[in-house]
Amino acid sequence: MNFILVYITAKDKEQALSIGKTLVEERLCACVNILDSMTSIYQWEGEITTDNEAVLIAKTITEKFDALQNRVKELHTYTCPCIVSIPISDGSAQYLHWLKSSL
C-alpha cells in the first residue's frame, strides 16, 4: 500500500472546508488539513494573476487518487484546479496504520 499526500488549492476556506468534508465522508481520504489565506501568483489565460487561496492537504493511498481527483473536479469551481500527489516515503507506523484503517 502506497500512502500519498494530495495537495489541492481552493478559492477560499469555505470551498476548502466543503471539499475536504466530502472527501473524508466518502472515505476518499482519511484526513484533510486546511491552510487558509495563502497567496498564489500564476499565469492564467496570458495574464499574471495574484489571488488569495486556501490549501487542502489530503492523506490517502495511491489506489484512491483517481477517484479523489475526479470528485474534487466535480466539487471545484476552478476550470483547472491544482490537484497533485506527493508520495509518503516513511512515517509513524501507528499513524500510517490509522490512516489505512480510516479508508
N, C-alpha and C. Protein backbone atom coordinates (compact mmCIF):
# COMPACT_ATOMS: atom_id res chain seq x y z
N MET A 1 0.85 -1.17 0.00
CA MET A 1 0.00 0.00 0.00
C MET A 1 0.90 1.24 0.00
N ASN A 2 0.64 2.16 -0.92
CA ASN A 2 1.43 3.37 -1.04
C ASN A 2 0.62 4.57 -0.56
N PHE A 3 1.11 5.21 0.48
CA PHE A 3 0.45 6.38 1.04
C PHE A 3 0.89 7.63 0.29
N ILE A 4 -0.03 8.59 0.14
CA ILE A 4 0.28 9.85 -0.53
C ILE A 4 -0.38 11.03 0.19
N LEU A 5 0.19 12.20 -0.03
CA LEU A 5 -0.45 13.46 0.32
C LEU A 5 -0.96 14.03 -0.99
N VAL A 6 -2.16 14.58 -0.98
CA VAL A 6 -2.70 15.23 -2.18
C VAL A 6 -2.85 16.71 -1.86
N TYR A 7 -2.13 17.52 -2.62
CA TYR A 7 -2.11 18.97 -2.44
C TYR A 7 -3.15 19.56 -3.40
N ILE A 8 -4.09 20.32 -2.84
CA ILE A 8 -5.20 20.87 -3.62
C ILE A 8 -5.35 22.34 -3.23
N THR A 9 -5.53 23.22 -4.21
CA THR A 9 -5.83 24.61 -3.87
C THR A 9 -7.32 24.85 -4.10
N ALA A 10 -7.87 25.80 -3.32
CA ALA A 10 -9.28 26.16 -3.42
C ALA A 10 -9.40 27.68 -3.38
N LYS A 11 -10.54 28.19 -3.85
CA LYS A 11 -10.70 29.65 -3.95
C LYS A 11 -10.75 30.33 -2.59
N ASP A 12 -11.20 29.60 -1.56
CA ASP A 12 -11.27 30.19 -0.21
C ASP A 12 -11.47 29.07 0.81
N LYS A 13 -11.48 29.46 2.08
CA LYS A 13 -11.61 28.48 3.16
C LYS A 13 -12.93 27.74 3.11
N GLU A 14 -14.01 28.43 2.76
CA GLU A 14 -15.32 27.78 2.71
C GLU A 14 -15.34 26.66 1.67
N GLN A 15 -14.78 26.94 0.49
CA GLN A 15 -14.73 25.89 -0.53
C GLN A 15 -13.84 24.74 -0.08
N ALA A 16 -12.72 25.06 0.54
CA ALA A 16 -11.81 24.03 1.03
C ALA A 16 -12.50 23.15 2.07
N LEU A 17 -13.25 23.77 2.99
CA LEU A 17 -13.98 23.01 4.01
C LEU A 17 -15.02 22.09 3.37
N SER A 18 -15.74 22.59 2.39
CA SER A 18 -16.76 21.79 1.73
C SER A 18 -16.15 20.59 1.00
N ILE A 19 -15.10 20.84 0.24
CA ILE A 19 -14.43 19.76 -0.49
C ILE A 19 -13.83 18.77 0.50
N GLY A 20 -13.13 19.27 1.51
CA GLY A 20 -12.48 18.39 2.48
C GLY A 20 -13.47 17.50 3.22
N LYS A 21 -14.57 18.07 3.64
CA LYS A 21 -15.58 17.28 4.36
C LYS A 21 -16.12 16.16 3.47
N THR A 22 -16.40 16.47 2.22
CA THR A 22 -16.91 15.46 1.29
C THR A 22 -15.89 14.35 1.08
N LEU A 23 -14.63 14.69 0.90
CA LEU A 23 -13.59 13.68 0.67
C LEU A 23 -13.46 12.72 1.85
N VAL A 24 -13.56 13.26 3.08
CA VAL A 24 -13.46 12.41 4.26
C VAL A 24 -14.73 11.58 4.43
N GLU A 25 -15.90 12.21 4.25
CA GLU A 25 -17.16 11.47 4.38
C GLU A 25 -17.23 10.31 3.40
N GLU A 26 -16.72 10.51 2.20
CA GLU A 26 -16.77 9.46 1.17
C GLU A 26 -15.58 8.51 1.24
N ARG A 27 -14.76 8.67 2.27
CA ARG A 27 -13.60 7.81 2.54
C ARG A 27 -12.61 7.78 1.38
N LEU A 28 -12.53 8.90 0.66
CA LEU A 28 -11.52 9.03 -0.39
C LEU A 28 -10.17 9.42 0.22
N CYS A 29 -10.22 9.93 1.43
CA CYS A 29 -9.01 10.22 2.19
C CYS A 29 -9.36 10.06 3.67
N ALA A 30 -8.32 9.90 4.48
CA ALA A 30 -8.54 9.71 5.92
C ALA A 30 -8.63 11.04 6.66
N CYS A 31 -7.97 12.05 6.13
CA CYS A 31 -7.85 13.32 6.84
C CYS A 31 -7.53 14.41 5.84
N VAL A 32 -8.01 15.62 6.12
CA VAL A 32 -7.67 16.80 5.30
C VAL A 32 -7.23 17.91 6.25
N ASN A 33 -6.09 18.50 5.96
CA ASN A 33 -5.65 19.71 6.65
C ASN A 33 -5.93 20.89 5.73
N ILE A 34 -6.41 21.99 6.30
CA ILE A 34 -6.71 23.18 5.51
C ILE A 34 -5.85 24.33 6.02
N LEU A 35 -5.13 24.94 5.09
CA LEU A 35 -4.32 26.12 5.38
C LEU A 35 -5.02 27.29 4.71
N ASP A 36 -5.46 28.23 5.51
CA ASP A 36 -6.22 29.36 5.00
C ASP A 36 -5.30 30.50 4.58
N SER A 37 -5.76 31.27 3.59
CA SER A 37 -5.14 32.53 3.20
C SER A 37 -3.70 32.40 2.73
N MET A 38 -3.50 31.64 1.69
CA MET A 38 -2.22 31.54 1.01
C MET A 38 -2.29 32.48 -0.20
N THR A 39 -1.20 33.13 -0.55
CA THR A 39 -1.16 33.96 -1.74
C THR A 39 -0.55 33.16 -2.87
N SER A 40 -1.24 33.12 -4.01
CA SER A 40 -0.75 32.42 -5.20
C SER A 40 -0.51 33.43 -6.31
N ILE A 41 0.59 33.26 -7.02
CA ILE A 41 0.90 34.06 -8.20
C ILE A 41 1.09 33.08 -9.34
N TYR A 42 0.32 33.26 -10.41
CA TYR A 42 0.35 32.29 -11.51
C TYR A 42 -0.07 32.96 -12.82
N GLN A 43 0.23 32.28 -13.92
CA GLN A 43 -0.25 32.73 -15.23
C GLN A 43 -1.54 32.02 -15.56
N TRP A 44 -2.53 32.78 -15.99
CA TRP A 44 -3.81 32.20 -16.41
C TRP A 44 -4.33 33.01 -17.58
N GLU A 45 -4.55 32.32 -18.69
CA GLU A 45 -5.06 32.94 -19.90
C GLU A 45 -4.24 34.16 -20.31
N GLY A 46 -2.90 33.99 -20.26
CA GLY A 46 -1.99 35.02 -20.73
C GLY A 46 -1.74 36.16 -19.76
N GLU A 47 -2.28 36.11 -18.58
CA GLU A 47 -2.14 37.19 -17.59
C GLU A 47 -1.47 36.64 -16.32
N ILE A 48 -0.66 37.48 -15.69
CA ILE A 48 -0.13 37.16 -14.37
C ILE A 48 -1.22 37.52 -13.35
N THR A 49 -1.58 36.56 -12.52
CA THR A 49 -2.67 36.74 -11.56
C THR A 49 -2.15 36.51 -10.15
N THR A 50 -2.63 37.30 -9.22
CA THR A 50 -2.34 37.11 -7.80
C THR A 50 -3.67 36.96 -7.08
N ASP A 51 -3.81 35.86 -6.34
CA ASP A 51 -5.05 35.56 -5.62
C ASP A 51 -4.74 35.04 -4.23
N ASN A 52 -5.68 35.24 -3.32
CA ASN A 52 -5.64 34.55 -2.03
C ASN A 52 -6.42 33.25 -2.21
N GLU A 53 -5.84 32.16 -1.74
CA GLU A 53 -6.47 30.85 -1.85
C GLU A 53 -6.32 30.11 -0.53
N ALA A 54 -6.96 28.97 -0.44
CA ALA A 54 -6.77 28.05 0.67
C ALA A 54 -6.13 26.78 0.11
N VAL A 55 -5.45 26.05 0.97
CA VAL A 55 -4.80 24.81 0.56
C VAL A 55 -5.40 23.65 1.35
N LEU A 56 -5.69 22.57 0.66
CA LEU A 56 -6.09 21.32 1.30
C LEU A 56 -4.93 20.34 1.14
N ILE A 57 -4.61 19.63 2.20
CA ILE A 57 -3.65 18.54 2.13
C ILE A 57 -4.40 17.29 2.59
N ALA A 58 -4.69 16.41 1.64
CA ALA A 58 -5.44 15.19 1.92
C ALA A 58 -4.48 14.01 2.05
N LYS A 59 -4.73 13.15 3.02
CA LYS A 59 -3.90 11.97 3.24
C LYS A 59 -4.69 10.74 2.80
N THR A 60 -4.10 9.98 1.85
CA THR A 60 -4.80 8.84 1.30
C THR A 60 -3.79 7.83 0.74
N ILE A 61 -4.26 6.95 -0.14
CA ILE A 61 -3.41 5.96 -0.79
C ILE A 61 -3.52 6.13 -2.30
N THR A 62 -2.50 5.67 -3.01
CA THR A 62 -2.47 5.86 -4.47
C THR A 62 -3.69 5.24 -5.15
N GLU A 63 -4.19 4.15 -4.60
CA GLU A 63 -5.34 3.47 -5.20
C GLU A 63 -6.59 4.34 -5.20
N LYS A 64 -6.65 5.34 -4.35
CA LYS A 64 -7.82 6.21 -4.26
C LYS A 64 -7.63 7.55 -4.98
N PHE A 65 -6.43 7.77 -5.52
CA PHE A 65 -6.14 9.08 -6.11
C PHE A 65 -7.07 9.43 -7.27
N ASP A 66 -7.29 8.53 -8.21
CA ASP A 66 -8.13 8.85 -9.37
C ASP A 66 -9.55 9.23 -8.94
N ALA A 67 -10.13 8.47 -8.03
CA ALA A 67 -11.48 8.77 -7.55
C ALA A 67 -11.50 10.10 -6.80
N LEU A 68 -10.47 10.34 -5.97
CA LEU A 68 -10.39 11.60 -5.24
C LEU A 68 -10.27 12.77 -6.21
N GLN A 69 -9.39 12.63 -7.18
CA GLN A 69 -9.20 13.69 -8.18
C GLN A 69 -10.50 13.99 -8.93
N ASN A 70 -11.19 12.97 -9.35
CA ASN A 70 -12.45 13.15 -10.07
C ASN A 70 -13.49 13.84 -9.19
N ARG A 71 -13.55 13.47 -7.91
CA ARG A 71 -14.52 14.08 -7.01
C ARG A 71 -14.20 15.56 -6.76
N VAL A 72 -12.92 15.87 -6.60
CA VAL A 72 -12.53 17.27 -6.42
C VAL A 72 -12.93 18.08 -7.64
N LYS A 73 -12.70 17.55 -8.83
CA LYS A 73 -13.07 18.27 -10.06
C LYS A 73 -14.58 18.52 -10.12
N GLU A 74 -15.39 17.56 -9.64
CA GLU A 74 -16.85 17.74 -9.62
C GLU A 74 -17.27 18.85 -8.65
N LEU A 75 -16.57 18.96 -7.54
CA LEU A 75 -16.94 19.90 -6.48
C LEU A 75 -16.34 21.29 -6.65
N HIS A 76 -15.28 21.39 -7.41
CA HIS A 76 -14.48 22.61 -7.50
C HIS A 76 -15.08 23.61 -8.48
N THR A 77 -14.86 24.89 -8.23
CA THR A 77 -15.33 25.93 -9.15
C THR A 77 -14.28 26.30 -10.19
N TYR A 78 -13.03 25.92 -9.98
CA TYR A 78 -11.98 26.24 -10.95
C TYR A 78 -12.10 25.36 -12.19
N THR A 79 -11.74 25.91 -13.32
CA THR A 79 -11.66 25.14 -14.57
C THR A 79 -10.52 24.13 -14.52
N CYS A 80 -9.42 24.54 -13.89
CA CYS A 80 -8.21 23.71 -13.85
C CYS A 80 -7.63 23.73 -12.43
N PRO A 81 -8.27 23.02 -11.48
CA PRO A 81 -7.77 23.07 -10.10
C PRO A 81 -6.43 22.35 -9.95
N CYS A 82 -5.62 22.84 -9.03
CA CYS A 82 -4.36 22.17 -8.68
C CYS A 82 -4.70 20.95 -7.83
N ILE A 83 -4.36 19.77 -8.34
CA ILE A 83 -4.54 18.51 -7.61
C ILE A 83 -3.31 17.67 -7.92
N VAL A 84 -2.36 17.61 -7.00
CA VAL A 84 -1.14 16.84 -7.23
C VAL A 84 -0.87 15.92 -6.05
N SER A 85 -0.29 14.76 -6.34
CA SER A 85 0.01 13.82 -5.26
C SER A 85 1.51 13.82 -4.98
N ILE A 86 1.82 13.60 -3.70
CA ILE A 86 3.20 13.56 -3.22
C ILE A 86 3.34 12.27 -2.43
N PRO A 87 4.27 11.40 -2.82
CA PRO A 87 4.42 10.13 -2.09
C PRO A 87 4.90 10.34 -0.66
N ILE A 88 4.39 9.52 0.24
CA ILE A 88 4.88 9.49 1.62
C ILE A 88 5.88 8.35 1.69
N SER A 89 7.14 8.67 1.84
CA SER A 89 8.17 7.62 1.81
C SER A 89 8.34 6.92 3.15
N ASP A 90 7.95 7.59 4.23
CA ASP A 90 8.09 6.99 5.55
C ASP A 90 7.20 7.75 6.52
N GLY A 91 6.94 7.16 7.67
CA GLY A 91 6.11 7.83 8.66
C GLY A 91 5.93 6.98 9.89
N SER A 92 5.28 7.54 10.87
CA SER A 92 4.97 6.82 12.10
C SER A 92 4.11 5.60 11.76
N ALA A 93 4.55 4.43 12.19
CA ALA A 93 3.80 3.20 11.91
C ALA A 93 2.39 3.29 12.49
N GLN A 94 2.27 3.86 13.68
CA GLN A 94 0.96 3.99 14.32
C GLN A 94 0.05 4.89 13.48
N TYR A 95 0.59 6.03 13.01
CA TYR A 95 -0.21 6.95 12.20
C TYR A 95 -0.60 6.31 10.87
N LEU A 96 0.34 5.66 10.20
CA LEU A 96 0.03 5.03 8.91
C LEU A 96 -0.99 3.90 9.07
N HIS A 97 -0.94 3.20 10.20
CA HIS A 97 -1.95 2.17 10.47
C HIS A 97 -3.33 2.82 10.62
N TRP A 98 -3.40 3.94 11.35
CA TRP A 98 -4.67 4.67 11.48
C TRP A 98 -5.16 5.14 10.12
N LEU A 99 -4.26 5.70 9.32
CA LEU A 99 -4.64 6.20 8.00
C LEU A 99 -5.26 5.06 7.17
N LYS A 100 -4.59 3.94 7.13
CA LYS A 100 -5.07 2.77 6.37
C LYS A 100 -6.43 2.32 6.88
N SER A 101 -6.61 2.25 8.19
CA SER A 101 -7.86 1.75 8.74
C SER A 101 -9.00 2.75 8.55
N SER A 102 -8.69 4.02 8.33
CA SER A 102 -9.71 5.05 8.14
C SER A 102 -10.24 5.11 6.71
N LEU A 103 -9.59 4.41 5.82
CA LEU A 103 -10.00 4.41 4.43
C LEU A 103 -10.92 3.24 4.15
